[in-house]
Protein backbone atom coordinates (compact mmCIF):
# COMPACT_ATOMS: atom_id res chain seq x y z
CA UNK A 1 -14.21 -60.71 -56.49
CA UNK A 2 -16.02 -63.07 -54.12
CA UNK A 3 -12.82 -63.76 -52.21
CA UNK A 4 -12.26 -60.01 -51.68
CA UNK A 5 -15.81 -59.52 -50.47
CA UNK A 6 -15.53 -62.48 -48.10
CA UNK A 7 -12.18 -61.13 -46.75
CA UNK A 8 -13.69 -57.62 -46.29
CA UNK A 9 -16.67 -59.07 -44.50
CA UNK A 10 -14.46 -61.15 -42.15
CA UNK A 11 -12.38 -58.07 -41.31
CA UNK A 12 -15.47 -55.99 -40.46
CA UNK A 13 -17.44 -58.58 -38.46
CA UNK A 14 -15.36 -58.43 -35.27
CA UNK A 15 -15.83 -54.67 -35.04
CA UNK A 16 -19.60 -54.68 -35.16
CA UNK A 17 -20.56 -57.90 -33.28
CA UNK A 18 -22.03 -57.99 -29.78
CA UNK A 19 -18.75 -59.42 -28.43
CA UNK A 20 -17.00 -56.19 -29.35
CA UNK A 21 -19.27 -54.03 -27.22
CA UNK A 22 -17.31 -52.24 -24.49
CA UNK A 23 -18.63 -53.12 -21.02
CA UNK A 24 -20.15 -50.12 -19.23
CA UNK A 25 -21.06 -51.59 -15.87
CA UNK A 26 -19.91 -54.26 -13.38
CA UNK A 27 -21.07 -57.75 -14.14
CA UNK A 28 -23.29 -59.49 -11.58
CA UNK A 29 -21.43 -61.40 -8.89
CA UNK A 30 -20.31 -64.74 -10.42
CA UNK A 31 -20.64 -68.14 -8.74
CA UNK A 32 -18.11 -68.49 -5.93
CA UNK A 33 -15.84 -71.35 -4.89
CA UNK A 34 -13.31 -71.92 -2.17
CA UNK A 35 -9.66 -71.31 -2.88
CA UNK A 36 -6.78 -71.73 -0.42
CA UNK A 37 -3.27 -70.37 -0.71
CA UNK A 38 -0.66 -72.22 1.35
CA UNK A 39 2.46 -70.13 2.05
CA UNK A 40 5.99 -71.50 2.38
CA UNK A 41 5.68 -71.36 6.15
CA UNK A 42 2.52 -73.59 5.99
CA UNK A 43 -0.13 -70.89 6.72
CA UNK A 44 -3.42 -71.47 4.90
CA UNK A 45 -5.32 -68.38 3.61
CA UNK A 46 -8.87 -69.13 2.53
CA UNK A 47 -10.80 -67.02 -0.01
CA UNK A 48 -14.23 -67.28 -1.62
CA UNK A 49 -13.52 -66.43 -5.23
CA UNK A 50 -15.80 -65.62 -8.14
CA UNK A 51 -15.16 -68.04 -11.00
CA UNK A 52 -14.66 -66.31 -14.35
CA UNK A 53 -15.03 -69.22 -16.70
CA UNK A 54 -16.40 -67.82 -20.00
CA UNK A 55 -14.60 -65.40 -22.30
CA UNK A 56 -17.21 -62.68 -21.59
CA UNK A 57 -16.87 -63.13 -17.80
CA UNK A 58 -13.11 -62.96 -18.18
CA UNK A 59 -13.19 -59.91 -20.44
CA UNK A 60 -15.27 -57.95 -17.87
CA UNK A 61 -13.58 -59.38 -14.75
CA UNK A 62 -13.68 -56.91 -11.88
CA UNK A 63 -14.24 -53.84 -14.06
CA UNK A 64 -16.37 -51.11 -12.48
CA UNK A 65 -16.31 -52.70 -8.99
CA UNK A 66 -15.72 -50.11 -6.30
CA UNK A 67 -14.30 -52.57 -3.77
CA UNK A 68 -12.95 -56.10 -3.45
CA UNK A 69 -13.40 -57.49 0.10
CA UNK A 70 -10.21 -58.91 1.61
CA UNK A 71 -11.44 -62.52 1.74
CA UNK A 72 -12.69 -62.61 -1.84
CA UNK A 73 -11.35 -62.28 -5.39
CA UNK A 74 -11.84 -63.56 -8.90
CA UNK A 75 -10.24 -66.61 -10.46
CA UNK A 76 -9.83 -66.68 -14.24
CA UNK A 77 -9.64 -70.26 -15.52
CA UNK A 78 -7.93 -70.15 -18.95
CA UNK A 79 -8.73 -73.86 -19.67
CA UNK A 80 -5.16 -74.63 -20.82
CA UNK A 81 -1.84 -73.04 -19.88
CA UNK A 82 -1.03 -69.92 -21.92
CA UNK A 83 0.70 -66.59 -21.67
CA UNK A 84 -1.91 -64.18 -20.35
CA UNK A 85 -1.36 -60.40 -20.46
CA UNK A 86 -3.82 -58.63 -18.20
CA UNK A 87 -4.75 -54.94 -17.87
CA UNK A 88 -6.72 -52.61 -15.63
CA UNK A 89 -9.01 -50.80 -18.08
CA UNK A 90 -12.21 -49.73 -16.33
CA UNK A 91 -11.00 -51.30 -13.08
CA UNK A 92 -11.48 -48.76 -10.34
CA UNK A 93 -9.50 -50.28 -7.49
CA UNK A 94 -5.92 -51.58 -7.24
CA UNK A 95 -5.57 -55.35 -7.50
CA UNK A 96 -2.95 -57.99 -6.86
CA UNK A 97 -2.75 -60.34 -9.82
CA UNK A 98 -1.50 -63.80 -9.05
CA UNK A 99 -0.49 -65.91 -12.04
CA UNK A 100 -0.79 -69.63 -11.32
CA UNK A 101 0.82 -72.63 -13.05
CA UNK A 102 -1.17 -75.74 -13.98
CA UNK A 103 0.09 -77.54 -10.86
CA UNK A 104 -1.20 -74.72 -8.61
CA UNK A 105 2.13 -73.09 -7.83
CA UNK A 106 2.34 -69.29 -8.15
CA UNK A 107 4.41 -68.30 -11.14
CA UNK A 108 4.28 -64.48 -10.75
CA UNK A 109 2.55 -61.74 -8.76
CA UNK A 110 1.79 -58.14 -9.89
CA UNK A 111 1.09 -56.17 -6.70
CA UNK A 112 -1.12 -53.11 -6.39
CA UNK A 113 -1.77 -52.73 -10.12
CA UNK A 114 -2.78 -49.21 -11.21
CA UNK A 115 -6.51 -48.59 -11.58
CA UNK A 116 -7.69 -47.86 -15.17
CA UNK A 117 -4.19 -48.42 -16.66
CA UNK A 118 -3.95 -49.83 -20.14
CA UNK A 119 -0.46 -51.16 -19.58
CA UNK A 120 -0.04 -54.92 -20.10
CA UNK A 121 0.67 -56.91 -16.98
CA UNK A 122 2.52 -60.10 -18.14
CA UNK A 123 2.05 -63.57 -16.69
CA UNK A 124 5.77 -64.32 -17.28
CA UNK A 125 5.04 -67.65 -18.99
CA UNK A 126 2.13 -69.99 -19.53
CA UNK A 127 -0.39 -70.16 -16.68
CA UNK A 128 -3.64 -72.07 -16.15
CA UNK A 129 -5.23 -69.31 -14.09
CA UNK A 130 -5.04 -65.78 -12.83
CA UNK A 131 -6.29 -64.79 -9.44
CA UNK A 132 -7.26 -61.18 -8.72
CA UNK A 133 -7.30 -60.08 -5.10
CA UNK A 134 -7.68 -56.69 -3.39
CA UNK A 135 -4.51 -54.64 -3.82
CA UNK A 136 -2.01 -55.22 -1.04
CA UNK A 137 -3.36 -58.66 -0.05
CA UNK A 138 -0.30 -60.63 -1.15
CA UNK A 139 2.09 -58.45 0.79
CA UNK A 140 -0.15 -58.37 3.85
CA UNK A 141 -0.43 -62.16 3.92
CA UNK A 142 3.19 -62.84 2.85
CA UNK A 143 2.08 -64.69 -0.33
CA UNK A 144 5.03 -65.10 -2.70
CA UNK A 145 6.08 -66.82 -5.90
CA UNK A 146 6.27 -70.57 -5.34
CA UNK A 147 3.43 -70.71 -2.80
CA UNK A 148 0.69 -73.27 -3.57
CA UNK A 149 -2.90 -72.53 -4.60
CA UNK A 150 -5.45 -75.27 -3.76
CA UNK A 151 -8.54 -75.22 -5.94
CA UNK A 152 -10.47 -77.76 -8.00
CA UNK A 153 -9.23 -76.45 -11.33
CA UNK A 154 -5.69 -77.53 -10.35
CA UNK A 155 -6.90 -80.96 -9.27
CA UNK A 156 -5.48 -80.43 -5.74
CA UNK A 157 -8.50 -79.36 -3.65
CA UNK A 158 -9.24 -81.65 -0.80
């Protein structure tokens, strides 16, 4: 009897906790850090990115933002490499999602993701981070798979 009650309680808790609350507005601007993408032809593109470090910051991400300036973005640090499906729920503007390996190389890019879509956007393997930029940025700057991202979380920022 006690085991069934405990199991029922464990199944109900995630549904009613504060963590399960659906975000209804944009989160405040997060602390920013420098991030540089070096393309295969040696061009350096510098961004000031918001650092999404906590699970709550990562869950909300860029939801409800009405714009993403071209020299900014949001970097999701997953802590350890993992497969990371992303989505665009409550995200009002198209984004480029850049999936980055632990060594800072770009593993995959999803360009111009569809606002408010619930479709999963796969990382195509384990990544340490995901970078969200304004939609169209990677094509405009000729950023491609294999380019290098320089940032402190990859241990390669100088």
